[in-house]
Amino acid sequence: SVLCSVFGVDLPEPKRGVLLELYVQAVLFCRERNFKKEQTSALLSIIKLCIFSETPLNNIEQSFKYCKELLLCHSVRRPPFSINLFSSEEVTGILNYIFNSYVRHYKLYKYIFTPQVKLDLSLTYSGTPNQEEATIEDSSALVTPKWCSCFIVTASLTGSKSGLKALIENEVREQMMLVSGQLDQRMKEIADQHNRALESPQLNHKAKK
């Protein structure tokens, strides 16, 4: 509770525990480098901004670029736009630390801090029509899937309810397999892009005074 009040963490678990662990490790890193209080506070603020600038998209390169821009603003004396809290050597060490402790585990942090969306599946049957109305209605089922949060299925069949249920289940199964395949392909593309970004990290820092 003390750490939560100091760092201003008001999040449910497991987000709170993950964020506090990240902050504690950053403080230990600052102590090892003998950073001043101002430097420690600035580094914690930079890490916090990088964490909460994430989006559900795969923006690892943009996030790391944003981190380098924030460090640049704290390593070059150009008031009122920037201040030189960190030297070039300190910035290089910070970038290496952030890359190894945060960027390499980017997917895990994104999984924790990205809001989870649950899909509830609901089926509604209209029932079997009367024999008089069956001559007018078509014998094929009308299935209307809505992918917002549920499926609303309206059907009119001359057969039994068991046939209606089997037809709807087959249609839903095909749609779910299609969506699952698209998600697997998208996750594979994201993983490949992430691996390429990790293989060629750009950790060079150039400070202009």
N, C-alpha and C. Protein backbone atom coordinates (compact mmCIF):
# COMPACT_ATOMS: atom_id res chain seq x y z
N SER A 1 0.82 -1.20 0.00
CA SER A 1 0.00 0.00 0.00
C SER A 1 0.86 1.25 0.00
N VAL A 2 2.04 1.18 0.66
CA VAL A 2 2.93 2.34 0.71
C VAL A 2 3.47 2.64 -0.68
N LEU A 3 3.90 1.60 -1.40
CA LEU A 3 4.41 1.81 -2.74
C LEU A 3 3.32 2.33 -3.68
N CYS A 4 2.11 1.84 -3.50
CA CYS A 4 1.01 2.30 -4.35
C CYS A 4 0.75 3.79 -4.15
N SER A 5 0.80 4.25 -2.90
CA SER A 5 0.57 5.67 -2.62
C SER A 5 1.72 6.53 -3.12
N VAL A 6 2.96 6.03 -2.99
CA VAL A 6 4.13 6.80 -3.42
C VAL A 6 4.15 6.95 -4.94
N PHE A 7 3.91 5.86 -5.65
CA PHE A 7 3.96 5.89 -7.10
C PHE A 7 2.62 6.24 -7.74
N GLY A 8 1.59 6.41 -6.94
CA GLY A 8 0.29 6.76 -7.49
C GLY A 8 -0.33 5.67 -8.34
N VAL A 9 -0.20 4.43 -7.90
CA VAL A 9 -0.73 3.29 -8.64
C VAL A 9 -2.11 2.94 -8.12
N ASP A 10 -3.12 3.10 -8.94
CA ASP A 10 -4.49 2.78 -8.57
C ASP A 10 -5.09 1.88 -9.66
N LEU A 11 -4.57 0.67 -9.73
CA LEU A 11 -4.98 -0.28 -10.75
C LEU A 11 -5.32 -1.62 -10.10
N PRO A 12 -6.20 -2.38 -10.70
CA PRO A 12 -6.50 -3.72 -10.17
C PRO A 12 -5.37 -4.69 -10.48
N GLU A 13 -5.37 -5.80 -9.76
CA GLU A 13 -4.41 -6.87 -10.06
C GLU A 13 -4.80 -7.56 -11.37
N PRO A 14 -3.87 -8.07 -12.16
CA PRO A 14 -2.42 -8.11 -11.92
C PRO A 14 -1.67 -6.87 -12.40
N LYS A 15 -2.39 -5.87 -12.93
CA LYS A 15 -1.71 -4.69 -13.46
C LYS A 15 -0.91 -3.97 -12.38
N ARG A 16 -1.49 -3.88 -11.19
CA ARG A 16 -0.81 -3.15 -10.12
C ARG A 16 0.51 -3.82 -9.74
N GLY A 17 0.50 -5.14 -9.58
CA GLY A 17 1.72 -5.84 -9.21
C GLY A 17 2.80 -5.75 -10.27
N VAL A 18 2.41 -5.85 -11.54
CA VAL A 18 3.39 -5.76 -12.63
C VAL A 18 3.99 -4.36 -12.69
N LEU A 19 3.15 -3.34 -12.55
CA LEU A 19 3.65 -1.96 -12.62
C LEU A 19 4.55 -1.63 -11.44
N LEU A 20 4.19 -2.09 -10.25
CA LEU A 20 5.03 -1.84 -9.07
C LEU A 20 6.38 -2.55 -9.20
N GLU A 21 6.37 -3.76 -9.73
CA GLU A 21 7.64 -4.48 -9.93
C GLU A 21 8.53 -3.73 -10.92
N LEU A 22 7.93 -3.18 -11.96
CA LEU A 22 8.71 -2.41 -12.93
C LEU A 22 9.31 -1.16 -12.29
N TYR A 23 8.53 -0.49 -11.46
CA TYR A 23 9.03 0.71 -10.78
C TYR A 23 10.15 0.36 -9.79
N VAL A 24 9.96 -0.71 -9.03
CA VAL A 24 10.97 -1.09 -8.03
C VAL A 24 12.29 -1.44 -8.71
N GLN A 25 12.23 -2.18 -9.81
CA GLN A 25 13.45 -2.52 -10.53
C GLN A 25 14.13 -1.28 -11.10
N ALA A 26 13.33 -0.30 -11.53
CA ALA A 26 13.91 0.94 -12.03
C ALA A 26 14.60 1.72 -10.91
N VAL A 27 14.01 1.72 -9.71
CA VAL A 27 14.64 2.39 -8.57
C VAL A 27 15.96 1.71 -8.21
N LEU A 28 15.97 0.39 -8.22
CA LEU A 28 17.22 -0.34 -7.93
C LEU A 28 18.29 -0.04 -8.97
N PHE A 29 17.88 0.09 -10.22
CA PHE A 29 18.83 0.45 -11.27
C PHE A 29 19.41 1.84 -11.02
N CYS A 30 18.56 2.78 -10.61
CA CYS A 30 19.04 4.14 -10.32
C CYS A 30 20.01 4.14 -9.15
N ARG A 31 19.76 3.31 -8.15
CA ARG A 31 20.68 3.24 -7.01
C ARG A 31 22.03 2.67 -7.42
N GLU A 32 22.02 1.68 -8.29
CA GLU A 32 23.28 1.11 -8.76
C GLU A 32 24.11 2.14 -9.52
N ARG A 33 23.43 3.02 -10.25
CA ARG A 33 24.13 4.04 -11.02
C ARG A 33 24.36 5.32 -10.22
N ASN A 34 23.94 5.32 -8.95
CA ASN A 34 24.10 6.50 -8.08
C ASN A 34 23.42 7.74 -8.67
N PHE A 35 22.21 7.54 -9.17
CA PHE A 35 21.45 8.66 -9.70
C PHE A 35 20.94 9.55 -8.57
N LYS A 36 20.78 10.81 -8.88
CA LYS A 36 20.19 11.74 -7.92
C LYS A 36 18.67 11.54 -7.87
N LYS A 37 18.04 12.20 -6.90
CA LYS A 37 16.59 12.07 -6.77
C LYS A 37 15.88 12.60 -8.01
N GLU A 38 16.39 13.70 -8.55
CA GLU A 38 15.77 14.27 -9.74
C GLU A 38 15.88 13.32 -10.93
N GLN A 39 17.01 12.66 -11.05
CA GLN A 39 17.20 11.71 -12.14
C GLN A 39 16.30 10.49 -11.98
N THR A 40 16.21 9.99 -10.75
CA THR A 40 15.33 8.84 -10.48
C THR A 40 13.88 9.18 -10.78
N SER A 41 13.44 10.35 -10.34
CA SER A 41 12.06 10.77 -10.59
C SER A 41 11.79 10.91 -12.08
N ALA A 42 12.75 11.47 -12.82
CA ALA A 42 12.57 11.64 -14.26
C ALA A 42 12.49 10.29 -14.97
N LEU A 43 13.35 9.35 -14.58
CA LEU A 43 13.33 8.03 -15.22
C LEU A 43 12.03 7.30 -14.94
N LEU A 44 11.53 7.37 -13.72
CA LEU A 44 10.25 6.73 -13.40
C LEU A 44 9.12 7.35 -14.21
N SER A 45 9.15 8.67 -14.38
CA SER A 45 8.12 9.33 -15.18
C SER A 45 8.19 8.91 -16.64
N ILE A 46 9.40 8.76 -17.16
CA ILE A 46 9.56 8.32 -18.55
C ILE A 46 9.01 6.91 -18.74
N ILE A 47 9.33 6.02 -17.81
CA ILE A 47 8.83 4.64 -17.90
C ILE A 47 7.30 4.62 -17.82
N LYS A 48 6.75 5.43 -16.94
CA LYS A 48 5.29 5.48 -16.80
C LYS A 48 4.64 5.98 -18.07
N LEU A 49 5.21 7.02 -18.69
CA LEU A 49 4.65 7.55 -19.93
C LEU A 49 4.73 6.52 -21.05
N CYS A 50 5.81 5.78 -21.10
CA CYS A 50 5.94 4.74 -22.13
C CYS A 50 4.92 3.63 -21.93
N ILE A 51 4.70 3.25 -20.69
CA ILE A 51 3.74 2.18 -20.39
C ILE A 51 2.34 2.58 -20.82
N PHE A 52 1.92 3.78 -20.45
CA PHE A 52 0.54 4.19 -20.70
C PHE A 52 0.36 4.84 -22.07
N SER A 53 1.41 4.88 -22.87
CA SER A 53 1.26 5.33 -24.25
C SER A 53 1.04 4.15 -25.18
N GLU A 54 0.98 2.93 -24.64
CA GLU A 54 0.73 1.75 -25.46
C GLU A 54 -0.68 1.77 -26.02
N THR A 55 -0.85 1.09 -27.14
CA THR A 55 -2.16 0.89 -27.74
C THR A 55 -2.32 -0.60 -28.03
N PRO A 56 -3.55 -1.06 -28.34
CA PRO A 56 -3.71 -2.47 -28.70
C PRO A 56 -2.95 -2.86 -29.95
N LEU A 57 -2.49 -1.88 -30.75
CA LEU A 57 -1.74 -2.19 -31.95
C LEU A 57 -0.30 -2.53 -31.61
N ASN A 58 0.40 -3.10 -32.57
CA ASN A 58 1.80 -3.47 -32.36
C ASN A 58 2.68 -2.24 -32.62
N ASN A 59 2.82 -1.38 -31.62
CA ASN A 59 3.55 -0.12 -31.79
C ASN A 59 4.84 -0.12 -30.97
N ILE A 60 5.58 -1.22 -31.01
CA ILE A 60 6.80 -1.32 -30.23
C ILE A 60 7.85 -0.32 -30.70
N GLU A 61 7.95 -0.12 -32.02
CA GLU A 61 8.94 0.82 -32.54
C GLU A 61 8.58 2.25 -32.15
N GLN A 62 7.29 2.60 -32.23
CA GLN A 62 6.87 3.94 -31.85
C GLN A 62 7.06 4.18 -30.36
N SER A 63 6.82 3.16 -29.56
CA SER A 63 6.98 3.31 -28.11
C SER A 63 8.45 3.52 -27.73
N PHE A 64 9.34 2.75 -28.36
CA PHE A 64 10.76 2.91 -28.06
C PHE A 64 11.29 4.24 -28.58
N LYS A 65 10.79 4.69 -29.72
CA LYS A 65 11.18 5.99 -30.25
C LYS A 65 10.71 7.11 -29.32
N TYR A 66 9.50 6.97 -28.79
CA TYR A 66 8.98 7.96 -27.83
C TYR A 66 9.85 8.00 -26.58
N CYS A 67 10.31 6.83 -26.13
CA CYS A 67 11.19 6.77 -24.96
C CYS A 67 12.50 7.51 -25.22
N LYS A 68 13.08 7.32 -26.41
CA LYS A 68 14.33 8.01 -26.74
C LYS A 68 14.13 9.52 -26.84
N GLU A 69 12.97 9.94 -27.33
CA GLU A 69 12.69 11.38 -27.40
C GLU A 69 12.58 11.99 -26.01
N LEU A 70 11.96 11.26 -25.08
CA LEU A 70 11.85 11.76 -23.71
C LEU A 70 13.22 11.84 -23.05
N LEU A 71 14.06 10.85 -23.29
CA LEU A 71 15.42 10.90 -22.74
C LEU A 71 16.22 12.05 -23.34
N LEU A 72 16.01 12.31 -24.61
CA LEU A 72 16.71 13.42 -25.25
C LEU A 72 16.31 14.75 -24.63
N CYS A 73 15.04 14.88 -24.27
CA CYS A 73 14.58 16.12 -23.63
C CYS A 73 15.18 16.31 -22.24
N HIS A 74 15.71 15.24 -21.66
CA HIS A 74 16.31 15.34 -20.32
C HIS A 74 17.83 15.18 -20.36
N SER A 75 18.41 15.29 -21.54
CA SER A 75 19.87 15.16 -21.64
C SER A 75 20.53 16.31 -22.40
N VAL A 76 19.74 17.24 -22.90
CA VAL A 76 20.27 18.39 -23.64
C VAL A 76 19.76 19.66 -22.98
N ARG A 77 20.66 20.55 -22.67
CA ARG A 77 20.27 21.81 -22.03
C ARG A 77 19.83 22.81 -23.10
N ARG A 78 18.53 22.99 -23.19
CA ARG A 78 17.96 23.94 -24.14
C ARG A 78 16.64 24.45 -23.57
N PRO A 79 16.72 25.22 -22.48
CA PRO A 79 15.49 25.69 -21.84
C PRO A 79 14.71 26.63 -22.78
N PRO A 80 13.38 26.61 -22.70
CA PRO A 80 12.56 25.80 -21.77
C PRO A 80 12.14 24.45 -22.34
N PHE A 81 12.77 24.03 -23.44
CA PHE A 81 12.33 22.82 -24.12
C PHE A 81 12.94 21.56 -23.52
N SER A 82 14.15 21.64 -23.02
CA SER A 82 14.81 20.46 -22.48
C SER A 82 15.80 20.86 -21.40
N ILE A 83 16.20 19.88 -20.61
CA ILE A 83 17.13 20.10 -19.50
C ILE A 83 18.10 18.94 -19.44
N ASN A 84 19.34 19.21 -19.06
CA ASN A 84 20.37 18.17 -19.08
C ASN A 84 20.49 17.48 -17.73
N LEU A 85 19.55 16.58 -17.44
CA LEU A 85 19.62 15.78 -16.22
C LEU A 85 20.57 14.60 -16.39
N PHE A 86 20.63 14.05 -17.60
CA PHE A 86 21.43 12.86 -17.85
C PHE A 86 22.56 13.17 -18.82
N SER A 87 23.71 12.54 -18.60
CA SER A 87 24.82 12.65 -19.53
C SER A 87 24.65 11.64 -20.66
N SER A 88 25.53 11.71 -21.65
CA SER A 88 25.44 10.77 -22.77
C SER A 88 25.65 9.33 -22.32
N GLU A 89 26.60 9.12 -21.40
CA GLU A 89 26.85 7.77 -20.90
C GLU A 89 25.65 7.25 -20.11
N GLU A 90 25.04 8.12 -19.32
CA GLU A 90 23.86 7.71 -18.54
C GLU A 90 22.69 7.38 -19.44
N VAL A 91 22.51 8.16 -20.50
CA VAL A 91 21.43 7.89 -21.45
C VAL A 91 21.63 6.53 -22.13
N THR A 92 22.85 6.23 -22.51
CA THR A 92 23.14 4.94 -23.13
C THR A 92 22.83 3.79 -22.17
N GLY A 93 23.23 3.94 -20.90
CA GLY A 93 22.92 2.91 -19.91
C GLY A 93 21.42 2.76 -19.68
N ILE A 94 20.70 3.89 -19.67
CA ILE A 94 19.25 3.83 -19.47
C ILE A 94 18.57 3.14 -20.65
N LEU A 95 19.00 3.46 -21.87
CA LEU A 95 18.41 2.83 -23.05
C LEU A 95 18.65 1.32 -23.04
N ASN A 96 19.85 0.92 -22.66
CA ASN A 96 20.13 -0.52 -22.56
C ASN A 96 19.25 -1.19 -21.50
N TYR A 97 19.07 -0.51 -20.38
CA TYR A 97 18.24 -1.07 -19.31
C TYR A 97 16.79 -1.18 -19.76
N ILE A 98 16.25 -0.13 -20.38
CA ILE A 98 14.85 -0.15 -20.82
C ILE A 98 14.65 -1.21 -21.91
N PHE A 99 15.62 -1.34 -22.79
CA PHE A 99 15.49 -2.33 -23.85
C PHE A 99 15.47 -3.75 -23.29
N ASN A 100 16.36 -4.04 -22.33
CA ASN A 100 16.45 -5.39 -21.79
C ASN A 100 15.33 -5.72 -20.82
N SER A 101 14.85 -4.73 -20.07
CA SER A 101 13.84 -5.01 -19.04
C SER A 101 12.41 -4.77 -19.52
N TYR A 102 12.24 -3.93 -20.54
CA TYR A 102 10.88 -3.58 -20.97
C TYR A 102 10.60 -3.99 -22.42
N VAL A 103 11.46 -3.56 -23.35
CA VAL A 103 11.19 -3.83 -24.76
C VAL A 103 11.23 -5.32 -25.07
N ARG A 104 12.16 -6.05 -24.48
CA ARG A 104 12.24 -7.49 -24.74
C ARG A 104 11.03 -8.25 -24.22
N HIS A 105 10.33 -7.67 -23.25
CA HIS A 105 9.12 -8.29 -22.70
C HIS A 105 7.88 -7.47 -23.08
N TYR A 106 7.97 -6.82 -24.22
CA TYR A 106 6.91 -5.89 -24.64
C TYR A 106 5.56 -6.59 -24.77
N LYS A 107 5.56 -7.80 -25.33
CA LYS A 107 4.29 -8.51 -25.53
C LYS A 107 3.62 -8.84 -24.20
N LEU A 108 4.42 -9.18 -23.20
CA LEU A 108 3.85 -9.50 -21.90
C LEU A 108 3.21 -8.27 -21.27
N TYR A 109 3.90 -7.14 -21.33
CA TYR A 109 3.33 -5.91 -20.79
C TYR A 109 2.08 -5.50 -21.56
N LYS A 110 2.11 -5.66 -22.88
CA LYS A 110 0.94 -5.31 -23.68
C LYS A 110 -0.25 -6.22 -23.32
N TYR A 111 0.03 -7.49 -23.09
CA TYR A 111 -1.05 -8.42 -22.72
C TYR A 111 -1.68 -8.02 -21.38
N ILE A 112 -0.84 -7.57 -20.44
CA ILE A 112 -1.36 -7.19 -19.13
C ILE A 112 -2.15 -5.90 -19.18
N PHE A 113 -1.64 -4.90 -19.89
CA PHE A 113 -2.22 -3.56 -19.82
C PHE A 113 -3.23 -3.27 -20.94
N THR A 114 -3.38 -4.15 -21.92
CA THR A 114 -4.39 -3.95 -22.94
C THR A 114 -5.73 -4.46 -22.44
N PRO A 115 -6.79 -3.66 -22.52
CA PRO A 115 -8.12 -4.12 -22.06
C PRO A 115 -8.56 -5.36 -22.82
N GLN A 116 -9.07 -6.33 -22.07
CA GLN A 116 -9.53 -7.58 -22.66
C GLN A 116 -11.01 -7.47 -23.04
N VAL A 117 -11.33 -7.93 -24.24
CA VAL A 117 -12.71 -7.90 -24.74
C VAL A 117 -13.21 -9.34 -24.81
N LYS A 118 -14.32 -9.60 -24.17
CA LYS A 118 -14.91 -10.93 -24.16
C LYS A 118 -16.09 -10.98 -25.12
N LEU A 119 -16.20 -12.10 -25.82
CA LEU A 119 -17.28 -12.31 -26.77
C LEU A 119 -18.29 -13.28 -26.18
N ASP A 120 -19.50 -12.80 -25.95
CA ASP A 120 -20.58 -13.64 -25.44
C ASP A 120 -21.42 -14.13 -26.61
N LEU A 121 -21.64 -15.43 -26.66
CA LEU A 121 -22.41 -16.04 -27.74
C LEU A 121 -23.81 -16.36 -27.24
N SER A 122 -24.80 -15.82 -27.93
CA SER A 122 -26.19 -16.04 -27.54
C SER A 122 -26.99 -16.43 -28.77
N LEU A 123 -27.78 -17.49 -28.65
CA LEU A 123 -28.61 -17.98 -29.75
C LEU A 123 -30.08 -17.83 -29.37
N THR A 124 -30.85 -17.26 -30.28
CA THR A 124 -32.28 -17.07 -30.06
C THR A 124 -33.04 -17.78 -31.17
N TYR A 125 -33.93 -18.70 -30.80
CA TYR A 125 -34.71 -19.46 -31.77
C TYR A 125 -36.12 -18.87 -31.85
N SER A 126 -36.60 -18.75 -33.09
CA SER A 126 -37.95 -18.20 -33.26
C SER A 126 -39.03 -19.27 -33.13
N GLY A 127 -38.63 -20.53 -33.12
CA GLY A 127 -39.62 -21.59 -32.98
C GLY A 127 -40.09 -22.12 -34.33
N THR A 128 -40.92 -23.15 -34.28
CA THR A 128 -41.44 -23.78 -35.50
C THR A 128 -42.75 -23.11 -35.90
N PRO A 129 -42.91 -22.66 -37.15
CA PRO A 129 -44.15 -22.00 -37.57
C PRO A 129 -45.31 -22.98 -37.70
N ASN A 130 -46.51 -22.44 -37.76
CA ASN A 130 -47.71 -23.27 -37.94
C ASN A 130 -47.73 -23.85 -39.35
N GLN A 131 -48.53 -24.90 -39.54
CA GLN A 131 -48.61 -25.56 -40.84
C GLN A 131 -49.19 -24.62 -41.89
N GLU A 132 -50.15 -23.74 -41.50
CA GLU A 132 -50.73 -22.81 -42.46
C GLU A 132 -49.70 -21.80 -42.94
N GLU A 133 -48.83 -21.35 -42.01
CA GLU A 133 -47.83 -20.36 -42.38
C GLU A 133 -46.63 -20.99 -43.07
N ALA A 134 -46.47 -22.32 -42.92
CA ALA A 134 -45.30 -22.98 -43.48
C ALA A 134 -45.31 -22.97 -45.00
N THR A 135 -46.54 -22.92 -45.63
CA THR A 135 -46.61 -22.92 -47.08
C THR A 135 -46.09 -21.61 -47.67
N ILE A 136 -46.11 -20.55 -46.87
CA ILE A 136 -45.65 -19.24 -47.36
C ILE A 136 -44.16 -19.07 -47.12
N GLU A 137 -43.69 -19.55 -45.94
CA GLU A 137 -42.29 -19.38 -45.56
C GLU A 137 -41.39 -20.30 -46.37
N ASP A 138 -40.18 -19.86 -46.60
CA ASP A 138 -39.19 -20.68 -47.28
C ASP A 138 -38.65 -21.73 -46.31
N SER A 139 -38.21 -22.83 -46.86
CA SER A 139 -37.73 -23.92 -46.00
C SER A 139 -36.27 -23.74 -45.60
N SER A 140 -35.61 -22.71 -46.08
CA SER A 140 -34.21 -22.48 -45.71
C SER A 140 -34.13 -21.58 -44.51
N ALA A 141 -33.04 -21.73 -43.72
CA ALA A 141 -32.86 -20.96 -42.49
C ALA A 141 -32.24 -19.62 -42.82
N LEU A 142 -32.62 -18.61 -42.05
CA LEU A 142 -32.05 -17.27 -42.16
C LEU A 142 -31.18 -17.04 -40.94
N VAL A 143 -29.89 -16.98 -41.15
CA VAL A 143 -28.94 -16.83 -40.05
C VAL A 143 -28.25 -15.48 -40.20
N THR A 144 -28.36 -14.63 -39.22
CA THR A 144 -27.78 -13.30 -39.26
C THR A 144 -26.82 -13.14 -38.10
N PRO A 145 -25.51 -13.34 -38.33
CA PRO A 145 -24.55 -13.16 -37.24
C PRO A 145 -24.19 -11.70 -37.08
N LYS A 146 -24.10 -11.23 -35.86
CA LYS A 146 -23.63 -9.89 -35.54
C LYS A 146 -22.44 -10.05 -34.62
N TRP A 147 -21.27 -9.54 -35.06
CA TRP A 147 -20.03 -9.79 -34.36
C TRP A 147 -19.72 -8.74 -33.32
N CYS A 148 -20.66 -7.90 -32.96
CA CYS A 148 -20.38 -6.88 -31.94
C CYS A 148 -20.11 -7.55 -30.60
N SER A 149 -21.12 -8.16 -30.00
CA SER A 149 -20.90 -8.84 -28.73
C SER A 149 -21.67 -10.14 -28.65
N CYS A 150 -22.55 -10.41 -29.60
CA CYS A 150 -23.33 -11.63 -29.52
C CYS A 150 -23.84 -11.98 -30.90
N PHE A 151 -24.41 -13.16 -31.03
CA PHE A 151 -25.05 -13.58 -32.25
C PHE A 151 -26.57 -13.60 -32.00
N ILE A 152 -27.30 -12.96 -32.89
CA ILE A 152 -28.76 -13.01 -32.83
C ILE A 152 -29.21 -13.77 -34.07
N VAL A 153 -29.70 -14.94 -33.86
CA VAL A 153 -30.04 -15.81 -34.98
C VAL A 153 -31.55 -15.95 -35.06
N THR A 154 -32.10 -15.61 -36.22
CA THR A 154 -33.53 -15.74 -36.44
C THR A 154 -33.73 -16.73 -37.57
N ALA A 155 -34.54 -17.73 -37.37
CA ALA A 155 -34.70 -18.76 -38.38
C ALA A 155 -36.15 -19.19 -38.47
N SER A 156 -36.55 -19.61 -39.66
CA SER A 156 -37.89 -20.11 -39.88
C SER A 156 -37.78 -21.37 -40.72
N LEU A 157 -38.11 -22.48 -40.14
CA LEU A 157 -37.97 -23.77 -40.81
C LEU A 157 -39.29 -24.53 -40.72
N THR A 158 -39.50 -25.39 -41.71
CA THR A 158 -40.66 -26.28 -41.67
C THR A 158 -40.33 -27.59 -40.98
N GLY A 159 -39.04 -27.86 -40.76
CA GLY A 159 -38.62 -29.09 -40.12
C GLY A 159 -38.70 -29.00 -38.61
N SER A 160 -38.03 -29.91 -37.96
CA SER A 160 -38.05 -29.98 -36.50
C SER A 160 -37.04 -29.01 -35.92
N LYS A 161 -37.10 -28.80 -34.59
CA LYS A 161 -36.17 -27.91 -33.90
C LYS A 161 -34.76 -28.49 -33.90
N SER A 162 -34.63 -29.81 -33.90
CA SER A 162 -33.30 -30.41 -33.91
C SER A 162 -32.56 -30.08 -35.21
N GLY A 163 -33.27 -30.09 -36.33
CA GLY A 163 -32.64 -29.72 -37.59
C GLY A 163 -32.24 -28.27 -37.63
N LEU A 164 -33.08 -27.41 -37.04
CA LEU A 164 -32.75 -25.99 -36.96
C LEU A 164 -31.51 -25.77 -36.12
N LYS A 165 -31.42 -26.45 -34.99
CA LYS A 165 -30.27 -26.29 -34.10
C LYS A 165 -28.99 -26.76 -34.77
N ALA A 166 -29.05 -27.89 -35.49
CA ALA A 166 -27.86 -28.41 -36.16
C ALA A 166 -27.39 -27.46 -37.26
N LEU A 167 -28.34 -26.88 -37.99
CA LEU A 167 -27.98 -25.95 -39.06
C LEU A 167 -27.29 -24.71 -38.51
N ILE A 168 -27.83 -24.19 -37.42
CA ILE A 168 -27.25 -22.99 -36.81
C ILE A 168 -25.87 -23.28 -36.24
N GLU A 169 -25.73 -24.44 -35.58
CA GLU A 169 -24.42 -24.80 -35.02
C GLU A 169 -23.36 -24.94 -36.10
N ASN A 170 -23.73 -25.51 -37.24
CA ASN A 170 -22.77 -25.63 -38.34
C ASN A 170 -22.36 -24.27 -38.87
N GLU A 171 -23.33 -23.38 -39.00
CA GLU A 171 -23.03 -22.03 -39.51
C GLU A 171 -22.12 -21.27 -38.55
N VAL A 172 -22.44 -21.36 -37.26
CA VAL A 172 -21.62 -20.66 -36.26
C VAL A 172 -20.22 -21.25 -36.21
N ARG A 173 -20.12 -22.59 -36.32
CA ARG A 173 -18.81 -23.24 -36.29
C ARG A 173 -17.94 -22.79 -37.46
N GLU A 174 -18.54 -22.66 -38.63
CA GLU A 174 -17.78 -22.20 -39.79
C GLU A 174 -17.30 -20.76 -39.61
N GLN A 175 -18.18 -19.92 -39.08
CA GLN A 175 -17.79 -18.52 -38.86
C GLN A 175 -16.68 -18.41 -37.82
N MET A 176 -16.76 -19.20 -36.75
CA MET A 176 -15.74 -19.15 -35.71
C MET A 176 -14.40 -19.66 -36.23
N MET A 177 -14.41 -20.70 -37.07
CA MET A 177 -13.17 -21.20 -37.66
C MET A 177 -12.54 -20.16 -38.57
N LEU A 178 -13.38 -19.42 -39.30
CA LEU A 178 -12.86 -18.38 -40.17
C LEU A 178 -12.19 -17.27 -39.38
N VAL A 179 -12.86 -16.81 -38.31
CA VAL A 179 -12.30 -15.75 -37.48
C VAL A 179 -11.04 -16.23 -36.77
N SER A 180 -11.05 -17.48 -36.30
CA SER A 180 -9.87 -18.03 -35.62
C SER A 180 -8.67 -18.08 -36.56
N GLY A 181 -8.90 -18.46 -37.80
CA GLY A 181 -7.80 -18.48 -38.76
C GLY A 181 -7.24 -17.10 -39.03
N GLN A 182 -8.14 -16.10 -39.13
CA GLN A 182 -7.68 -14.73 -39.35
C GLN A 182 -6.88 -14.22 -38.16
N LEU A 183 -7.31 -14.54 -36.95
CA LEU A 183 -6.58 -14.11 -35.76
C LEU A 183 -5.21 -14.77 -35.68
N ASP A 184 -5.14 -16.06 -36.00
CA ASP A 184 -3.85 -16.75 -35.97
C ASP A 184 -2.87 -16.14 -36.97
N GLN A 185 -3.38 -15.81 -38.16
CA GLN A 185 -2.52 -15.19 -39.17
C GLN A 185 -2.03 -13.82 -38.72
N ARG A 186 -2.93 -13.04 -38.09
CA ARG A 186 -2.55 -11.71 -37.61
C ARG A 186 -1.51 -11.80 -36.50
N MET A 187 -1.69 -12.75 -35.56
CA MET A 187 -0.74 -12.92 -34.47
C MET A 187 0.63 -13.36 -35.00
N LYS A 188 0.64 -14.18 -36.04
CA LYS A 188 1.91 -14.60 -36.64
C LYS A 188 2.63 -13.42 -37.26
N GLU A 189 1.88 -12.54 -37.96
CA GLU A 189 2.49 -11.36 -38.56
C GLU A 189 3.05 -10.43 -37.49
N ILE A 190 2.31 -10.26 -36.38
CA ILE A 190 2.79 -9.39 -35.30
C ILE A 190 4.05 -9.97 -34.67
N ALA A 191 4.08 -11.29 -34.46
CA ALA A 191 5.26 -11.92 -33.87
C ALA A 191 6.48 -11.78 -34.77
N ASP A 192 6.28 -11.94 -36.08
CA ASP A 192 7.41 -11.78 -37.01
C ASP A 192 7.94 -10.36 -37.01
N GLN A 193 7.03 -9.39 -36.99
CA GLN A 193 7.46 -7.99 -36.96
C GLN A 193 8.18 -7.66 -35.66
N HIS A 194 7.70 -8.24 -34.56
CA HIS A 194 8.33 -8.00 -33.26
C HIS A 194 9.74 -8.61 -33.22
N ASN A 195 9.90 -9.80 -33.77
CA ASN A 195 11.21 -10.45 -33.77
C ASN A 195 12.20 -9.67 -34.63
N ARG A 196 11.73 -9.14 -35.76
CA ARG A 196 12.63 -8.35 -36.60
C ARG A 196 13.08 -7.08 -35.90
N ALA A 197 12.17 -6.49 -35.11
CA ALA A 197 12.52 -5.27 -34.38
C ALA A 197 13.54 -5.55 -33.29
N LEU A 198 13.45 -6.73 -32.65
CA LEU A 198 14.39 -7.07 -31.59
C LEU A 198 15.76 -7.45 -32.13
N GLU A 199 15.80 -7.96 -33.36
CA GLU A 199 17.08 -8.38 -33.91
C GLU A 199 17.98 -7.20 -34.28
N SER A 200 17.37 -6.04 -34.57
CA SER A 200 18.17 -4.88 -34.95
C SER A 200 17.80 -3.67 -34.12
N PRO A 201 18.09 -3.70 -32.80
CA PRO A 201 17.77 -2.54 -31.95
C PRO A 201 18.69 -1.38 -32.24
N GLN A 202 18.15 -0.18 -32.20
CA GLN A 202 18.93 1.03 -32.40
C GLN A 202 19.06 1.74 -31.08
N LEU A 203 20.22 1.56 -30.47
CA LEU A 203 20.43 2.11 -29.15
C LEU A 203 21.43 3.26 -29.17
N ASN A 204 21.76 3.77 -30.36
CA ASN A 204 22.71 4.87 -30.43
C ASN A 204 22.03 6.17 -30.06
N HIS A 205 22.75 6.96 -29.32
CA HIS A 205 22.19 8.25 -28.87
C HIS A 205 23.15 9.36 -29.25
N LYS A 206 22.63 10.37 -29.89
CA LYS A 206 23.43 11.52 -30.27
C LYS A 206 22.83 12.76 -29.64
N ALA A 207 23.58 13.40 -28.78
CA ALA A 207 23.11 14.60 -28.10
C ALA A 207 23.76 15.82 -28.72
N LYS A 208 22.96 16.74 -29.10
CA LYS A 208 23.45 17.99 -29.67
C LYS A 208 23.38 19.09 -28.63
N LYS A 209 24.47 19.71 -28.37
CA LYS A 209 24.53 20.77 -27.39
C LYS A 209 24.67 22.12 -28.11
